Amino acid sequence: MRSREDDTARYFHFIGGNLYSGRSRIPVDFTLIWQNNQSGGRVMIDMVLGKRKALYNAMVKGLLTLEGEGKYVSLFMETMNHLNQIFTKKKAKCAGYDKTA
């Protein structure tokens, strides 16, 4: 993950169920390239807040480019869609919960 505006980069590496991260450029399967750091931060916050189309809208508006091997980009998008579906269902169930009952 990096931005077009500077040399800031962060990688995420999944091995055997563990997540590793660092702040350098290493060979990767695919890259999320944000227009700038601020746009990337805003979109990621929207994703955490449950806005299902935040990532898609970022790509349509040119704020995000996915670059790399097609199968990994597709796998990433499928995973994000599944996570959005899971967390949207949980939010919907919680929204109907009455704390006073």
PDB file of N, CA and C in Angstrom:
ATOM      1  N   MET A   1       0.858  -1.149   0.000  1.00  0.00           N
ATOM      2  CA  MET A   1       0.000   0.000   0.000  1.00  0.00           C
ATOM      3  C   MET A   1       0.910   1.219   0.000  1.00  0.00           C
ATOM      4  N   ARG A   2       0.611   2.155  -0.904  1.00  0.00           N
ATOM      5  CA  ARG A   2       1.411   3.372  -0.967  1.00  0.00           C
ATOM      6  C   ARG A   2       0.577   4.488  -1.580  1.00  0.00           C
ATOM      7  N   SER A   3       1.145   5.689  -1.614  1.00  0.00           N
ATOM      8  CA  SER A   3       0.445   6.791  -2.262  1.00  0.00           C
ATOM      9  C   SER A   3       1.283   7.310  -3.423  1.00  0.00           C
ATOM     10  N   ARG A   4       0.632   7.997  -4.336  1.00  0.00           N
ATOM     11  CA  ARG A   4       1.336   8.567  -5.483  1.00  0.00           C
ATOM     12  C   ARG A   4       2.137   9.799  -5.094  1.00  0.00           C
ATOM     13  N   GLU A   5       1.782  10.431  -3.979  1.00  0.00           N
ATOM     14  CA  GLU A   5       2.372  11.731  -3.650  1.00  0.00           C
ATOM     15  C   GLU A   5       3.740  11.662  -2.984  1.00  0.00           C
ATOM     16  N   ASP A   6       4.096  10.552  -2.370  1.00  0.00           N
ATOM     17  CA  ASP A   6       5.411  10.465  -1.724  1.00  0.00           C
ATOM     18  C   ASP A   6       5.902   9.026  -1.680  1.00  0.00           C
ATOM     19  N   ASP A   7       6.995   8.813  -1.012  1.00  0.00           N
ATOM     20  CA  ASP A   7       7.600   7.481  -0.964  1.00  0.00           C
ATOM     21  C   ASP A   7       7.114   6.624   0.197  1.00  0.00           C
ATOM     22  N   THR A   8       6.094   7.072   0.914  1.00  0.00           N
ATOM     23  CA  THR A   8       5.567   6.297   2.030  1.00  0.00           C
ATOM     24  C   THR A   8       4.962   4.999   1.500  1.00  0.00           C
ATOM     25  N   ALA A   9       5.333   3.891   2.103  1.00  0.00           N
ATOM     26  CA  ALA A   9       4.786   2.594   1.698  1.00  0.00           C
ATOM     27  C   ALA A   9       4.669   1.698   2.923  1.00  0.00           C
ATOM     28  N   ARG A  10       3.695   0.804   2.895  1.00  0.00           N
ATOM     29  CA  ARG A  10       3.527  -0.183   3.961  1.00  0.00           C
ATOM     30  C   ARG A  10       3.139  -1.487   3.289  1.00  0.00           C
ATOM     31  N   TYR A  11       3.728  -2.566   3.774  1.00  0.00           N
ATOM     32  CA  TYR A  11       3.361  -3.868   3.233  1.00  0.00           C
ATOM     33  C   TYR A  11       2.696  -4.703   4.322  1.00  0.00           C
ATOM     34  N   PHE A  12       1.841  -5.619   3.878  1.00  0.00           N
ATOM     35  CA  PHE A  12       1.181  -6.582   4.752  1.00  0.00           C
ATOM     36  C   PHE A  12       1.469  -7.954   4.167  1.00  0.00           C
ATOM     37  N   HIS A  13       1.903  -8.867   5.011  1.00  0.00           N
ATOM     38  CA  HIS A  13       2.300 -10.199   4.567  1.00  0.00           C
ATOM     39  C   HIS A  13       1.556 -11.219   5.434  1.00  0.00           C
ATOM     40  N   PHE A  14       0.781 -12.081   4.812  1.00  0.00           N
ATOM     41  CA  PHE A  14       0.035 -13.113   5.526  1.00  0.00           C
ATOM     42  C   PHE A  14       0.750 -14.448   5.350  1.00  0.00           C
ATOM     43  N   ILE A  15       1.177 -15.049   6.467  1.00  0.00           N
ATOM     44  CA  ILE A  15       1.868 -16.341   6.416  1.00  0.00           C
ATOM     45  C   ILE A  15       1.315 -17.227   7.525  1.00  0.00           C
ATOM     46  N   GLY A  16       0.761 -18.367   7.152  1.00  0.00           N
ATOM     47  CA  GLY A  16       0.290 -19.343   8.132  1.00  0.00           C
ATOM     48  C   GLY A  16      -0.692 -18.780   9.145  1.00  0.00           C
ATOM     49  N   GLY A  17      -1.584 -17.898   8.709  1.00  0.00           N
ATOM     50  CA  GLY A  17      -2.573 -17.316   9.609  1.00  0.00           C
ATOM     51  C   GLY A  17      -2.067 -16.125  10.402  1.00  0.00           C
ATOM     52  N   ASN A  18      -0.819 -15.743  10.208  1.00  0.00           N
ATOM     53  CA  ASN A  18      -0.254 -14.587  10.911  1.00  0.00           C
ATOM     54  C   ASN A  18      -0.115 -13.405   9.962  1.00  0.00           C
ATOM     55  N   LEU A  19      -0.240 -12.212  10.505  1.00  0.00           N
ATOM     56  CA  LEU A  19      -0.114 -10.985   9.729  1.00  0.00           C
ATOM     57  C   LEU A  19       1.168 -10.271  10.129  1.00  0.00           C
ATOM     58  N   TYR A  20       1.967  -9.946   9.135  1.00  0.00           N
ATOM     59  CA  TYR A  20       3.198  -9.186   9.343  1.00  0.00           C
ATOM     60  C   TYR A  20       3.097  -7.894   8.546  1.00  0.00           C
ATOM     61  N   SER A  21       3.651  -6.822   9.069  1.00  0.00           N
ATOM     62  CA  SER A  21       3.584  -5.537   8.397  1.00  0.00           C
ATOM     63  C   SER A  21       4.894  -4.789   8.596  1.00  0.00           C
ATOM     64  N   GLY A  22       5.230  -3.946   7.642  1.00  0.00           N
ATOM     65  CA  GLY A  22       6.447  -3.153   7.743  1.00  0.00           C
ATOM     66  C   GLY A  22       6.359  -1.916   6.878  1.00  0.00           C
ATOM     67  N   ARG A  23       7.373  -1.044   6.992  1.00  0.00           N
ATOM     68  CA  ARG A  23       7.360   0.224   6.271  1.00  0.00           C
ATOM     69  C   ARG A  23       8.465   0.291   5.232  1.00  0.00           C
ATOM     70  N   SER A  24       8.493  -0.621   4.335  1.00  0.00           N
ATOM     71  CA  SER A  24       9.480  -0.565   3.265  1.00  0.00           C
ATOM     72  C   SER A  24       8.861  -1.134   1.999  1.00  0.00           C
ATOM     73  N   ARG A  25       9.545  -0.938   0.907  1.00  0.00           N
ATOM     74  CA  ARG A  25       9.060  -1.492  -0.355  1.00  0.00           C
ATOM     75  C   ARG A  25       9.719  -2.846  -0.583  1.00  0.00           C
ATOM     76  N   ILE A  26       8.900  -3.856  -0.706  1.00  0.00           N
ATOM     77  CA  ILE A  26       9.382  -5.203  -0.994  1.00  0.00           C
ATOM     78  C   ILE A  26       8.603  -5.709  -2.208  1.00  0.00           C
ATOM     79  N   PRO A  27       9.060  -6.744  -2.875  1.00  0.00           N
ATOM     80  CA  PRO A  27       8.282  -7.304  -3.986  1.00  0.00           C
ATOM     81  C   PRO A  27       6.921  -7.797  -3.465  1.00  0.00           C
ATOM     82  N   VAL A  28       5.845  -7.400  -4.136  1.00  0.00           N
ATOM     83  CA  VAL A  28       4.496  -7.739  -3.677  1.00  0.00           C
ATOM     84  C   VAL A  28       3.680  -8.351  -4.813  1.00  0.00           C
ATOM     85  N   ASP A  29       2.583  -9.020  -4.435  1.00  0.00           N
ATOM     86  CA  ASP A  29       1.676  -9.607  -5.420  1.00  0.00           C
ATOM     87  C   ASP A  29       0.779  -8.549  -6.053  1.00  0.00           C
ATOM     88  N   PHE A  30       0.353  -7.578  -5.252  1.00  0.00           N
ATOM     89  CA  PHE A  30      -0.404  -6.450  -5.778  1.00  0.00           C
ATOM     90  C   PHE A  30      -0.270  -5.273  -4.821  1.00  0.00           C
ATOM     91  N   THR A  31      -0.622  -4.092  -5.325  1.00  0.00           N
ATOM     92  CA  THR A  31      -0.454  -2.865  -4.555  1.00  0.00           C
ATOM     93  C   THR A  31      -1.719  -2.027  -4.612  1.00  0.00           C
ATOM     94  N   LEU A  32      -2.080  -1.446  -3.472  1.00  0.00           N
ATOM     95  CA  LEU A  32      -3.111  -0.419  -3.429  1.00  0.00           C
ATOM     96  C   LEU A  32      -2.374   0.911  -3.514  1.00  0.00           C
ATOM     97  N   ILE A  33      -2.658   1.702  -4.535  1.00  0.00           N
ATOM     98  CA  ILE A  33      -1.980   2.982  -4.719  1.00  0.00           C
ATOM     99  C   ILE A  33      -3.015   4.093  -4.549  1.00  0.00           C
ATOM    100  N   TRP A  34      -2.883   4.843  -3.452  1.00  0.00           N
ATOM    101  CA  TRP A  34      -3.808   5.931  -3.154  1.00  0.00           C
ATOM    102  C   TRP A  34      -3.352   7.204  -3.852  1.00  0.00           C
ATOM    103  N   GLN A  35      -4.312   8.042  -4.231  1.00  0.00           N
ATOM    104  CA  GLN A  35      -3.979   9.319  -4.859  1.00  0.00           C
ATOM    105  C   GLN A  35      -3.102  10.149  -3.924  1.00  0.00           C
ATOM    106  N   ASN A  36      -3.473  10.171  -2.639  1.00  0.00           N
ATOM    107  CA  ASN A  36      -2.665  10.837  -1.616  1.00  0.00           C
ATOM    108  C   ASN A  36      -2.990  10.191  -0.273  1.00  0.00           C
ATOM    109  N   ASN A  37      -2.183  10.481   0.722  1.00  0.00           N
ATOM    110  CA  ASN A  37      -2.362   9.850   2.033  1.00  0.00           C
ATOM    111  C   ASN A  37      -3.705  10.195   2.662  1.00  0.00           C
ATOM    112  N   GLN A  38      -4.147  11.436   2.509  1.00  0.00           N
ATOM    113  CA  GLN A  38      -5.415  11.868   3.102  1.00  0.00           C
ATOM    114  C   GLN A  38      -6.592  11.093   2.510  1.00  0.00           C
ATOM    115  N   SER A  39      -6.614  10.938   1.203  1.00  0.00           N
ATOM    116  CA  SER A  39      -7.697  10.180   0.554  1.00  0.00           C
ATOM    117  C   SER A  39      -7.716   8.738   1.035  1.00  0.00           C
ATOM    118  N   GLY A  40      -6.543   8.126   1.116  1.00  0.00           N
ATOM    119  CA  GLY A  40      -6.457   6.744   1.591  1.00  0.00           C
ATOM    120  C   GLY A  40      -6.979   6.597   3.001  1.00  0.00           C
ATOM    121  N   GLY A  41      -6.606   7.528   3.866  1.00  0.00           N
ATOM    122  CA  GLY A  41      -7.077   7.494   5.254  1.00  0.00           C
ATOM    123  C   GLY A  41      -8.580   7.626   5.347  1.00  0.00           C
ATOM    124  N   ARG A  42      -9.138   8.565   4.578  1.00  0.00           N
ATOM    125  CA  ARG A  42     -10.590   8.773   4.599  1.00  0.00           C
ATOM    126  C   ARG A  42     -11.343   7.528   4.136  1.00  0.00           C
ATOM    127  N   VAL A  43     -10.883   6.931   3.056  1.00  0.00           N
ATOM    128  CA  VAL A  43     -11.562   5.744   2.519  1.00  0.00           C
ATOM    129  C   VAL A  43     -11.463   4.581   3.504  1.00  0.00           C
ATOM    130  N   MET A  44     -10.303   4.385   4.109  1.00  0.00           N
ATOM    131  CA  MET A  44     -10.159   3.283   5.066  1.00  0.00           C
ATOM    132  C   MET A  44     -11.032   3.497   6.297  1.00  0.00           C
ATOM    133  N   ILE A  45     -11.189   4.737   6.744  1.00  0.00           N
ATOM    134  CA  ILE A  45     -12.095   5.021   7.865  1.00  0.00           C
ATOM    135  C   ILE A  45     -13.530   4.718   7.455  1.00  0.00           C
ATOM    136  N   ASP A  46     -13.912   5.115   6.238  1.00  0.00           N
ATOM    137  CA  ASP A  46     -15.260   4.804   5.747  1.00  0.00           C
ATOM    138  C   ASP A  46     -15.495   3.296   5.716  1.00  0.00           C
ATOM    139  N   MET A  47     -14.477   2.534   5.330  1.00  0.00           N
ATOM    140  CA  MET A  47     -14.608   1.074   5.302  1.00  0.00           C
ATOM    141  C   MET A  47     -14.836   0.530   6.705  1.00  0.00           C
ATOM    142  N   VAL A  48     -14.087   1.036   7.668  1.00  0.00           N
ATOM    143  CA  VAL A  48     -14.236   0.592   9.058  1.00  0.00           C
ATOM    144  C   VAL A  48     -15.619   0.959   9.590  1.00  0.00           C
ATOM    145  N   LEU A  49     -16.154   2.095   9.143  1.00  0.00           N
ATOM    146  CA  LEU A  49     -17.479   2.535   9.581  1.00  0.00           C
ATOM    147  C   LEU A  49     -18.608   1.772   8.887  1.00  0.00           C
ATOM    148  N   GLY A  50     -18.255   0.854   7.986  1.00  0.00           N
ATOM    149  CA  GLY A  50     -19.263   0.003   7.362  1.00  0.00           C
ATOM    150  C   GLY A  50     -19.833   0.529   6.064  1.00  0.00           C
ATOM    151  N   LYS A  51     -19.199   1.508   5.466  1.00  0.00           N
ATOM    152  CA  LYS A  51     -19.674   2.010   4.174  1.00  0.00           C
ATOM    153  C   LYS A  51     -19.209   1.032   3.103  1.00  0.00           C
ATOM    154  N   ARG A  52     -20.128   0.188   2.671  1.00  0.00           N
ATOM    155  CA  ARG A  52     -19.804  -0.964   1.825  1.00  0.00           C
ATOM    156  C   ARG A  52     -19.151  -0.597   0.504  1.00  0.00           C
ATOM    157  N   LYS A  53     -19.523   0.523  -0.065  1.00  0.00           N
ATOM    158  CA  LYS A  53     -19.009   0.866  -1.393  1.00  0.00           C
ATOM    159  C   LYS A  53     -17.827   1.830  -1.342  1.00  0.00           C
ATOM    160  N   ALA A  54     -17.254   2.044  -0.174  1.00  0.00           N
ATOM    161  CA  ALA A  54     -16.159   3.011  -0.028  1.00  0.00           C
ATOM    162  C   ALA A  54     -14.986   2.670  -0.946  1.00  0.00           C
ATOM    163  N   LEU A  55     -14.576   1.423  -0.970  1.00  0.00           N
ATOM    164  CA  LEU A  55     -13.437   1.007  -1.788  1.00  0.00           C
ATOM    165  C   LEU A  55     -13.775   1.119  -3.275  1.00  0.00           C
ATOM    166  N   TYR A  56     -14.950   0.652  -3.647  1.00  0.00           N
ATOM    167  CA  TYR A  56     -15.395   0.726  -5.038  1.00  0.00           C
ATOM    168  C   TYR A  56     -15.465   2.183  -5.498  1.00  0.00           C
ATOM    169  N   ASN A  57     -16.090   3.041  -4.678  1.00  0.00           N
ATOM    170  CA  ASN A  57     -16.212   4.453  -5.042  1.00  0.00           C
ATOM    171  C   ASN A  57     -14.846   5.121  -5.166  1.00  0.00           C
ATOM    172  N   ALA A  58     -13.897   4.737  -4.328  1.00  0.00           N
ATOM    173  CA  ALA A  58     -12.546   5.295  -4.408  1.00  0.00           C
ATOM    174  C   ALA A  58     -11.898   4.957  -5.754  1.00  0.00           C
ATOM    175  N   MET A  59     -12.139   3.744  -6.241  1.00  0.00           N
ATOM    176  CA  MET A  59     -11.581   3.357  -7.536  1.00  0.00           C
ATOM    177  C   MET A  59     -12.259   4.123  -8.669  1.00  0.00           C
ATOM    178  N   VAL A  60     -13.586   4.259  -8.598  1.00  0.00           N
ATOM    179  CA  VAL A  60     -14.332   4.967  -9.633  1.00  0.00           C
ATOM    180  C   VAL A  60     -13.906   6.435  -9.701  1.00  0.00           C
ATOM    181  N   LYS A  61     -13.678   7.052  -8.544  1.00  0.00           N
ATOM    182  CA  LYS A  61     -13.296   8.472  -8.488  1.00  0.00           C
ATOM    183  C   LYS A  61     -11.811   8.707  -8.763  1.00  0.00           C
ATOM    184  N   GLY A  62     -11.044   7.640  -8.928  1.00  0.00           N
ATOM    185  CA  GLY A  62      -9.622   7.778  -9.207  1.00  0.00           C
ATOM    186  C   GLY A  62      -8.763   7.997  -7.977  1.00  0.00           C
ATOM    187  N   LEU A  63      -9.330   7.776  -6.791  1.00  0.00           N
ATOM    188  CA  LEU A  63      -8.566   7.929  -5.551  1.00  0.00           C
ATOM    189  C   LEU A  63      -7.705   6.702  -5.267  1.00  0.00           C
ATOM    190  N   LEU A  64      -8.060   5.578  -5.866  1.00  0.00           N
ATOM    191  CA  LEU A  64      -7.362   4.317  -5.615  1.00  0.00           C
ATOM    192  C   LEU A  64      -7.143   3.566  -6.922  1.00  0.00           C
ATOM    193  N   THR A  65      -5.942   3.051  -7.074  1.00  0.00           N
ATOM    194  CA  THR A  65      -5.607   2.177  -8.191  1.00  0.00           C
ATOM    195  C   THR A  65      -5.092   0.868  -7.606  1.00  0.00           C
ATOM    196  N   LEU A  66      -5.582  -0.243  -8.120  1.00  0.00           N
ATOM    197  CA  LEU A  66      -5.070  -1.559  -7.725  1.00  0.00           C
ATOM    198  C   LEU A  66      -4.161  -2.032  -8.847  1.00  0.00           C
ATOM    199  N   GLU A  67      -2.933  -2.360  -8.485  1.00  0.00           N
ATOM    200  CA  GLU A  67      -1.944  -2.723  -9.485  1.00  0.00           C
ATOM    201  C   GLU A  67      -1.294  -4.049  -9.110  1.00  0.00           C
ATOM    202  N   GLY A  68      -1.170  -4.929 -10.074  1.00  0.00           N
ATOM    203  CA  GLY A  68      -0.506  -6.198  -9.804  1.00  0.00           C
ATOM    204  C   GLY A  68      -1.169  -7.347 -10.521  1.00  0.00           C
ATOM    205  N   GLU A  69      -0.847  -8.541 -10.073  1.00  0.00           N
ATOM    206  CA  GLU A  69      -1.359  -9.754 -10.691  1.00  0.00           C
ATOM    207  C   GLU A  69      -2.870  -9.860 -10.482  1.00  0.00           C
ATOM    208  N   GLY A  70      -3.593 -10.067 -11.570  1.00  0.00           N
ATOM    209  CA  GLY A  70      -5.049 -10.059 -11.551  1.00  0.00           C
ATOM    210  C   GLY A  70      -5.695 -10.971 -10.530  1.00  0.00           C
ATOM    211  N   LYS A  71      -5.161 -12.180 -10.362  1.00  0.00           N
ATOM    212  CA  LYS A  71      -5.802 -13.124  -9.440  1.00  0.00           C
ATOM    213  C   LYS A  71      -5.733 -12.618  -8.003  1.00  0.00           C
ATOM    214  N   TYR A  72      -4.664 -11.895  -7.633  1.00  0.00           N
ATOM    215  CA  TYR A  72      -4.549 -11.380  -6.269  1.00  0.00           C
ATOM    216  C   TYR A  72      -5.436 -10.156  -6.057  1.00  0.00           C
ATOM    217  N   VAL A  73      -5.556  -9.335  -7.093  1.00  0.00           N
ATOM    218  CA  VAL A  73      -6.461  -8.186  -7.009  1.00  0.00           C
ATOM    219  C   VAL A  73      -7.892  -8.688  -6.856  1.00  0.00           C
ATOM    220  N   SER A  74      -8.274  -9.694  -7.650  1.00  0.00           N
ATOM    221  CA  SER A  74      -9.622 -10.274  -7.555  1.00  0.00           C
ATOM    222  C   SER A  74      -9.867 -10.891  -6.186  1.00  0.00           C
ATOM    223  N   LEU A  75      -8.891 -11.620  -5.674  1.00  0.00           N
ATOM    224  CA  LEU A  75      -9.023 -12.238  -4.355  1.00  0.00           C
ATOM    225  C   LEU A  75      -9.200 -11.173  -3.274  1.00  0.00           C
ATOM    226  N   PHE A  76      -8.442 -10.086  -3.370  1.00  0.00           N
ATOM    227  CA  PHE A  76      -8.577  -8.989  -2.414  1.00  0.00           C
ATOM    228  C   PHE A  76      -9.985  -8.399  -2.459  1.00  0.00           C
ATOM    229  N   MET A  77     -10.492  -8.117  -3.660  1.00  0.00           N
ATOM    230  CA  MET A  77     -11.827  -7.530  -3.797  1.00  0.00           C
ATOM    231  C   MET A  77     -12.903  -8.492  -3.288  1.00  0.00           C
ATOM    232  N   GLU A  78     -12.784  -9.775  -3.580  1.00  0.00           N
ATOM    233  CA  GLU A  78     -13.744 -10.766  -3.080  1.00  0.00           C
ATOM    234  C   GLU A  78     -13.729 -10.806  -1.557  1.00  0.00           C
ATOM    235  N   THR A  79     -12.540 -10.797  -0.974  1.00  0.00           N
ATOM    236  CA  THR A  79     -12.411 -10.818   0.484  1.00  0.00           C
ATOM    237  C   THR A  79     -13.048  -9.581   1.097  1.00  0.00           C
ATOM    238  N   MET A  80     -12.808  -8.416   0.515  1.00  0.00           N
ATOM    239  CA  MET A  80     -13.403  -7.177   1.028  1.00  0.00           C
ATOM    240  C   MET A  80     -14.930  -7.233   0.936  1.00  0.00           C
ATOM    241  N   ASN A  81     -15.459  -7.774  -0.158  1.00  0.00           N
ATOM    242  CA  ASN A  81     -16.913  -7.904  -0.301  1.00  0.00           C
ATOM    243  C   ASN A  81     -17.492  -8.833   0.760  1.00  0.00           C
ATOM    244  N   HIS A  82     -16.827  -9.960   1.018  1.00  0.00           N
ATOM    245  CA  HIS A  82     -17.294 -10.893   2.051  1.00  0.00           C
ATOM    246  C   HIS A  82     -17.268 -10.231   3.428  1.00  0.00           C
ATOM    247  N   LEU A  83     -16.190  -9.534   3.744  1.00  0.00           N
ATOM    248  CA  LEU A  83     -16.098  -8.846   5.038  1.00  0.00           C
ATOM    249  C   LEU A  83     -17.196  -7.799   5.178  1.00  0.00           C
ATOM    250  N   ASN A  84     -17.443  -7.051   4.111  1.00  0.00           N
ATOM    251  CA  ASN A  84     -18.518  -6.053   4.149  1.00  0.00           C
ATOM    252  C   ASN A  84     -19.865  -6.704   4.410  1.00  0.00           C
ATOM    253  N   GLN A  85     -20.136  -7.837   3.758  1.00  0.00           N
ATOM    254  CA  GLN A  85     -21.406  -8.530   3.964  1.00  0.00           C
ATOM    255  C   GLN A  85     -21.541  -9.013   5.398  1.00  0.00           C
ATOM    256  N   ILE A  86     -20.482  -9.568   5.945  1.00  0.00           N
ATOM    257  CA  ILE A  86     -20.516 -10.075   7.321  1.00  0.00           C
ATOM    258  C   ILE A  86     -20.772  -8.945   8.300  1.00  0.00           C
ATOM    259  N   PHE A  87     -20.011  -7.860   8.191  1.00  0.00           N
ATOM    260  CA  PHE A  87     -20.131  -6.783   9.160  1.00  0.00           C
ATOM    261  C   PHE A  87     -21.397  -5.960   8.966  1.00  0.00           C
ATOM    262  N   THR A  88     -21.919  -5.888   7.736  1.00  0.00           N
ATOM    263  CA  THR A  88     -23.183  -5.189   7.514  1.00  0.00           C
ATOM    264  C   THR A  88     -24.320  -5.955   8.176  1.00  0.00           C
ATOM    265  N   LYS A  89     -24.308  -7.289   8.079  1.00  0.00           N
ATOM    266  CA  LYS A  89     -25.344  -8.104   8.720  1.00  0.00           C
ATOM    267  C   LYS A  89     -25.289  -7.934  10.230  1.00  0.00           C
ATOM    268  N   LYS A  90     -24.084  -7.914  10.802  1.00  0.00           N
ATOM    269  CA  LYS A  90     -23.946  -7.750  12.249  1.00  0.00           C
ATOM    270  C   LYS A  90     -24.451  -6.385  12.688  1.00  0.00           C
ATOM    271  N   LYS A  91     -24.155  -5.337  11.906  1.00  0.00           N
ATOM    272  CA  LYS A  91     -24.627  -3.998  12.251  1.00  0.00           C
ATOM    273  C   LYS A  91     -26.152  -3.937  12.188  1.00  0.00           C
ATOM    274  N   ALA A  92     -26.740  -4.600  11.179  1.00  0.00           N
ATOM    275  CA  ALA A  92     -28.194  -4.591  11.034  1.00  0.00           C
ATOM    276  C   ALA A  92     -28.853  -5.273  12.224  1.00  0.00           C
ATOM    277  N   LYS A  93     -28.283  -6.387  12.682  1.00  0.00           N
ATOM    278  CA  LYS A  93     -28.831  -7.085  13.843  1.00  0.00           C
ATOM    279  C   LYS A  93     -28.699  -6.227  15.092  1.00  0.00           C
ATOM    280  N   CYS A  94     -27.572  -5.555  15.253  1.00  0.00           N
ATOM    281  CA  CYS A  94     -27.346  -4.712  16.430  1.00  0.00           C
ATOM    282  C   CYS A  94     -28.231  -3.476  16.406  1.00  0.00           C
ATOM    283  N   ALA A  95     -28.558  -2.973  15.223  1.00  0.00           N
ATOM    284  CA  ALA A  95     -29.375  -1.766  15.117  1.00  0.00           C
ATOM    285  C   ALA A  95     -30.781  -1.998  15.652  1.00  0.00           C
ATOM    286  N   GLY A  96     -31.287  -3.220  15.535  1.00  0.00           N
ATOM    287  CA  GLY A  96     -32.621  -3.535  16.015  1.00  0.00           C
ATOM    288  C   GLY A  96     -32.671  -3.888  17.486  1.00  0.00           C
ATOM    289  N   TYR A  97     -31.549  -3.912  18.141  1.00  0.00           N
ATOM    290  CA  TYR A  97     -31.455  -4.296  19.548  1.00  0.00           C
ATOM    291  C   TYR A  97     -31.830  -3.128  20.438  1.00  0.00           C
ATOM    292  N   ASP A  98     -32.731  -3.340  21.364  1.00  0.00           N
ATOM    293  CA  ASP A  98     -33.165  -2.296  22.294  1.00  0.00           C
ATOM    294  C   ASP A  98     -32.453  -2.491  23.623  1.00  0.00           C
ATOM    295  N   LYS A  99     -31.584  -1.547  23.982  1.00  0.00           N
ATOM    296  CA  LYS A  99     -30.798  -1.667  25.209  1.00  0.00           C
ATOM    297  C   LYS A  99     -31.638  -1.517  26.470  1.00  0.00           C
ATOM    298  N   THR A 100     -32.815  -0.898  26.377  1.00  0.00           N
ATOM    299  CA  THR A 100     -33.648  -0.675  27.558  1.00  0.00           C
ATOM    300  C   THR A 100     -34.503  -1.881  27.893  1.00  0.00           C
ATOM    301  N   ALA A 101     -34.647  -2.804  26.963  1.00  0.00           N
ATOM    302  CA  ALA A 101     -35.517  -3.971  27.178  1.00  0.00           C
ATOM    303  C   ALA A 101     -34.905  -4.962  28.124  1.00  0.00           C
TER     304      ALA A 101
END
